[in-house]
C-alpha atoms as a PDB file:
ATOM      1  CA  MET A   1     109.506 129.701 132.769  1.00  0.00           C
ATOM      2  CA  PRO A   2     108.472 132.126 135.531  1.00  0.00           C
ATOM      3  CA  VAL A   3     106.014 131.006 138.189  1.00  0.00           C
ATOM      4  CA  LYS A   4     102.651 132.764 138.016  1.00  0.00           C
ATOM      5  CA  GLY A   5     101.244 133.895 141.321  1.00  0.00           C
ATOM      6  CA  LYS A   6     102.645 134.776 144.712  1.00  0.00           C
ATOM      7  CA  THR A   7     105.078 132.739 146.794  1.00  0.00           C
ATOM      8  CA  ILE A   8     103.690 131.689 150.170  1.00  0.00           C
ATOM      9  CA  PHE A   9     106.140 130.637 152.883  1.00  0.00           C
ATOM     10  CA  ALA A  10     104.974 128.387 155.747  1.00  0.00           C
ATOM     11  CA  VAL A  11     107.174 128.139 158.854  1.00  0.00           C
ATOM     12  CA  ASP A  12     106.038 125.405 161.230  1.00  0.00           C
ATOM     13  CA  ASP A  13     107.822 122.500 162.899  1.00  0.00           C
ATOM     14  CA  SER A  14     104.853 120.170 162.335  1.00  0.00           C
ATOM     15  CA  LEU A  15     105.163 118.194 159.117  1.00  0.00           C
ATOM     16  CA  PHE A  16     101.449 117.416 159.431  1.00  0.00           C
ATOM     17  CA  ILE A  17     100.584 121.145 159.427  1.00  0.00           C
ATOM     18  CA  LEU A  18     102.919 121.839 156.494  1.00  0.00           C
ATOM     19  CA  LYS A  19     101.394 119.001 154.441  1.00  0.00           C
ATOM     20  CA  HIS A  20      97.876 120.110 155.328  1.00  0.00           C
ATOM     21  CA  LEU A  21      98.663 123.682 154.247  1.00  0.00           C
ATOM     22  CA  GLU A  22     100.100 122.379 150.986  1.00  0.00           C
ATOM     23  CA  MET A  23      96.903 120.413 150.357  1.00  0.00           C
ATOM     24  CA  MET A  24      94.680 123.386 151.248  1.00  0.00           C
ATOM     25  CA  LEU A  25      96.572 125.911 149.128  1.00  0.00           C
ATOM     26  CA  SER A  26      97.629 123.909 146.062  1.00  0.00           C
ATOM     27  CA  GLY A  27      95.905 125.172 142.961  1.00  0.00           C
ATOM     28  CA  MET A  28      94.480 128.190 144.743  1.00  0.00           C
ATOM     29  CA  PRO A  29      94.209 131.202 142.407  1.00  0.00           C
ATOM     30  CA  GLY A  30      96.942 133.767 143.001  1.00  0.00           C
ATOM     31  CA  ILE A  31      99.401 131.342 144.592  1.00  0.00           C
ATOM     32  CA  GLY A  32     102.373 130.310 142.501  1.00  0.00           C
ATOM     33  CA  ARG A  33     104.430 128.353 145.027  1.00  0.00           C
ATOM     34  CA  LEU A  34     104.351 127.185 148.611  1.00  0.00           C
ATOM     35  CA  VAL A  35     107.748 126.850 150.278  1.00  0.00           C
ATOM     36  CA  SER A  36     108.325 125.767 153.855  1.00  0.00           C
ATOM     37  CA  ALA A  37     110.750 125.550 156.762  1.00  0.00           C
ATOM     38  CA  GLY A  38     110.559 123.851 160.144  1.00  0.00           C
ATOM     39  CA  SER A  39     112.637 126.213 162.281  1.00  0.00           C
ATOM     40  CA  TYR A  40     113.846 129.778 162.731  1.00  0.00           C
ATOM     41  CA  GLU A  41     117.331 128.936 161.430  1.00  0.00           C
ATOM     42  CA  ASP A  42     115.955 127.143 158.361  1.00  0.00           C
ATOM     43  CA  ALA A  43     113.596 130.044 157.646  1.00  0.00           C
ATOM     44  CA  ILE A  44     116.255 132.785 157.399  1.00  0.00           C
ATOM     45  CA  PRO A  45     117.904 131.609 154.141  1.00  0.00           C
ATOM     46  CA  VAL A  46     114.495 130.944 152.571  1.00  0.00           C
ATOM     47  CA  LEU A  47     113.394 134.493 153.380  1.00  0.00           C
ATOM     48  CA  GLU A  48     116.581 135.822 151.779  1.00  0.00           C
ATOM     49  CA  SER A  49     116.379 133.710 148.615  1.00  0.00           C
ATOM     50  CA  GLU A  50     112.624 133.520 147.998  1.00  0.00           C
ATOM     51  CA  LYS A  51     111.420 136.931 149.225  1.00  0.00           C
ATOM     52  CA  PRO A  52     107.909 135.489 149.719  1.00  0.00           C
ATOM     53  CA  TYR A  53     104.836 137.646 149.404  1.00  0.00           C
ATOM     54  CA  LEU A  54     103.193 136.137 152.493  1.00  0.00           C
ATOM     55  CA  VAL A  55     104.469 134.138 155.480  1.00  0.00           C
ATOM     56  CA  LEU A  56     102.389 131.730 157.576  1.00  0.00           C
ATOM     57  CA  LEU A  57     104.308 131.615 160.851  1.00  0.00           C
ATOM     58  CA  ASP A  58     103.903 129.407 163.914  1.00  0.00           C
ATOM     59  CA  ILE A  59     104.770 130.904 167.299  1.00  0.00           C
ATOM     60  CA  ASN A  60     106.304 127.704 168.703  1.00  0.00           C
ATOM     61  CA  LEU A  61     109.404 126.765 166.734  1.00  0.00           C
ATOM     62  CA  PRO A  62     112.004 124.299 168.040  1.00  0.00           C
ATOM     63  CA  ASP A  63     114.992 126.657 168.091  1.00  0.00           C
ATOM     64  CA  ARG A  64     113.579 130.147 168.662  1.00  0.00           C
ATOM     65  CA  SER A  65     110.205 131.796 168.978  1.00  0.00           C
ATOM     66  CA  GLY A  66     108.159 132.589 165.916  1.00  0.00           C
ATOM     67  CA  ILE A  67     107.616 135.987 167.530  1.00  0.00           C
ATOM     68  CA  GLU A  68     111.366 136.597 167.205  1.00  0.00           C
ATOM     69  CA  LEU A  69     111.131 135.595 163.537  1.00  0.00           C
ATOM     70  CA  LEU A  70     108.183 137.970 163.073  1.00  0.00           C
ATOM     71  CA  ARG A  71     110.340 140.764 164.494  1.00  0.00           C
ATOM     72  CA  TYR A  72     113.229 139.799 162.138  1.00  0.00           C
ATOM     73  CA  ILE A  73     110.906 139.771 159.119  1.00  0.00           C
ATOM     74  CA  LYS A  74     109.327 143.130 159.888  1.00  0.00           C
ATOM     75  CA  VAL A  75     112.705 144.830 160.395  1.00  0.00           C
ATOM     76  CA  ARG A  76     114.174 143.497 157.132  1.00  0.00           C
ATOM     77  CA  TYR A  77     111.049 143.118 154.970  1.00  0.00           C
ATOM     78  CA  PRO A  78     108.426 145.504 156.365  1.00  0.00           C
ATOM     79  CA  GLU A  79     106.161 145.071 153.337  1.00  0.00           C
ATOM     80  CA  MET A  80     105.965 141.273 153.770  1.00  0.00           C
ATOM     81  CA  ILE A  81     102.587 140.008 154.969  1.00  0.00           C
ATOM     82  CA  VAL A  82     102.862 137.748 158.033  1.00  0.00           C
ATOM     83  CA  ILE A  83      99.977 135.654 159.297  1.00  0.00           C
ATOM     84  CA  MET A  84     100.607 134.010 162.647  1.00  0.00           C
ATOM     85  CA  LEU A  85      99.377 130.430 163.127  1.00  0.00           C
ATOM     86  CA  SER A  86      99.294 129.104 166.651  1.00  0.00           C
ATOM     87  CA  ASN A  87      97.580 127.069 169.306  1.00  0.00           C
ATOM     88  CA  GLN A  88      98.719 129.869 171.648  1.00  0.00           C
ATOM     89  CA  SER A  89      95.535 131.841 171.134  1.00  0.00           C
ATOM     90  CA  ASP A  90      95.594 133.890 174.334  1.00  0.00           C
ATOM     91  CA  GLU A  91      94.790 137.534 173.726  1.00  0.00           C
ATOM     92  CA  ILE A  92      98.263 138.553 174.899  1.00  0.00           C
ATOM     93  CA  TYR A  93      99.819 136.642 171.965  1.00  0.00           C
ATOM     94  CA  ARG A  94      97.386 138.181 169.485  1.00  0.00           C
ATOM     95  CA  GLN A  95      98.105 141.688 170.750  1.00  0.00           C
ATOM     96  CA  ARG A  96     101.861 141.193 170.806  1.00  0.00           C
ATOM     97  CA  CYS A  97     101.945 139.804 167.264  1.00  0.00           C
ATOM     98  CA  LYS A  98      99.727 142.597 165.939  1.00  0.00           C
ATOM     99  CA  ALA A  99     101.935 145.190 167.669  1.00  0.00           C
ATOM    100  CA  LEU A 100     104.989 143.677 165.940  1.00  0.00           C
ATOM    101  CA  GLY A 101     103.341 143.895 162.530  1.00  0.00           C
ATOM    102  CA  ALA A 102     101.468 140.627 161.967  1.00  0.00           C
ATOM    103  CA  SER A 103      98.629 141.145 159.513  1.00  0.00           C
ATOM    104  CA  HIS A 104      96.459 138.404 160.997  1.00  0.00           C
ATOM    105  CA  PHE A 105      96.433 135.779 163.763  1.00  0.00           C
ATOM    106  CA  ILE A 106      94.880 132.331 163.260  1.00  0.00           C
ATOM    107  CA  ASP A 107      94.109 129.949 166.116  1.00  0.00           C
ATOM    108  CA  LYS A 108      95.057 126.516 164.721  1.00  0.00           C
ATOM    109  CA  SER A 109      92.559 124.716 166.942  1.00  0.00           C
ATOM    110  CA  THR A 110      89.475 126.697 165.891  1.00  0.00           C
ATOM    111  CA  GLU A 111      90.259 128.730 162.734  1.00  0.00           C
ATOM    112  CA  PHE A 112      92.709 126.605 160.725  1.00  0.00           C
ATOM    113  CA  GLU A 113      90.227 125.793 157.948  1.00  0.00           C
ATOM    114  CA  LEU A 114      89.884 129.547 157.292  1.00  0.00           C
ATOM    115  CA  VAL A 115      93.506 129.785 156.062  1.00  0.00           C
ATOM    116  CA  PRO A 116      92.641 129.781 152.312  1.00  0.00           C
ATOM    117  CA  GLN A 117      89.939 132.422 152.776  1.00  0.00           C
ATOM    118  CA  ILE A 118      92.220 134.644 154.857  1.00  0.00           C
ATOM    119  CA  ILE A 119      95.108 134.297 152.403  1.00  0.00           C
ATOM    120  CA  SER A 120      92.760 135.147 149.516  1.00  0.00           C
ATOM    121  CA  SER A 121      91.943 138.424 151.221  1.00  0.00           C
ATOM    122  CA  PHE A 122      95.622 139.422 150.885  1.00  0.00           C
ATOM    123  CA  LEU A 123      96.136 138.349 147.251  1.00  0.00           C
END
């Protein structure tokens, strides 16, 4: 039976953040599945197999930068929506991510609870 709704892919090395996102987004209209990975290397095969509609991407990953993963995604899947999630909220990070194709930038420390609302705007 096919899944109704869009696949959302969360890439963050914090299990707490991944669980919190799952709680926030479960049952949300328009979302069919939430899949996750904790590193750059773990994210690549998920991108290939799942082809998610939207990616929630942390900048600080344990093996490589989330900015490098943003670049990878936008080269291979330019239509994919990427929302950056980070405690690195300096304007330089926001500008760099936007320039590389991020659709939105969320400061985890002050805007995290807005994730469902922001995702809804893209569904």
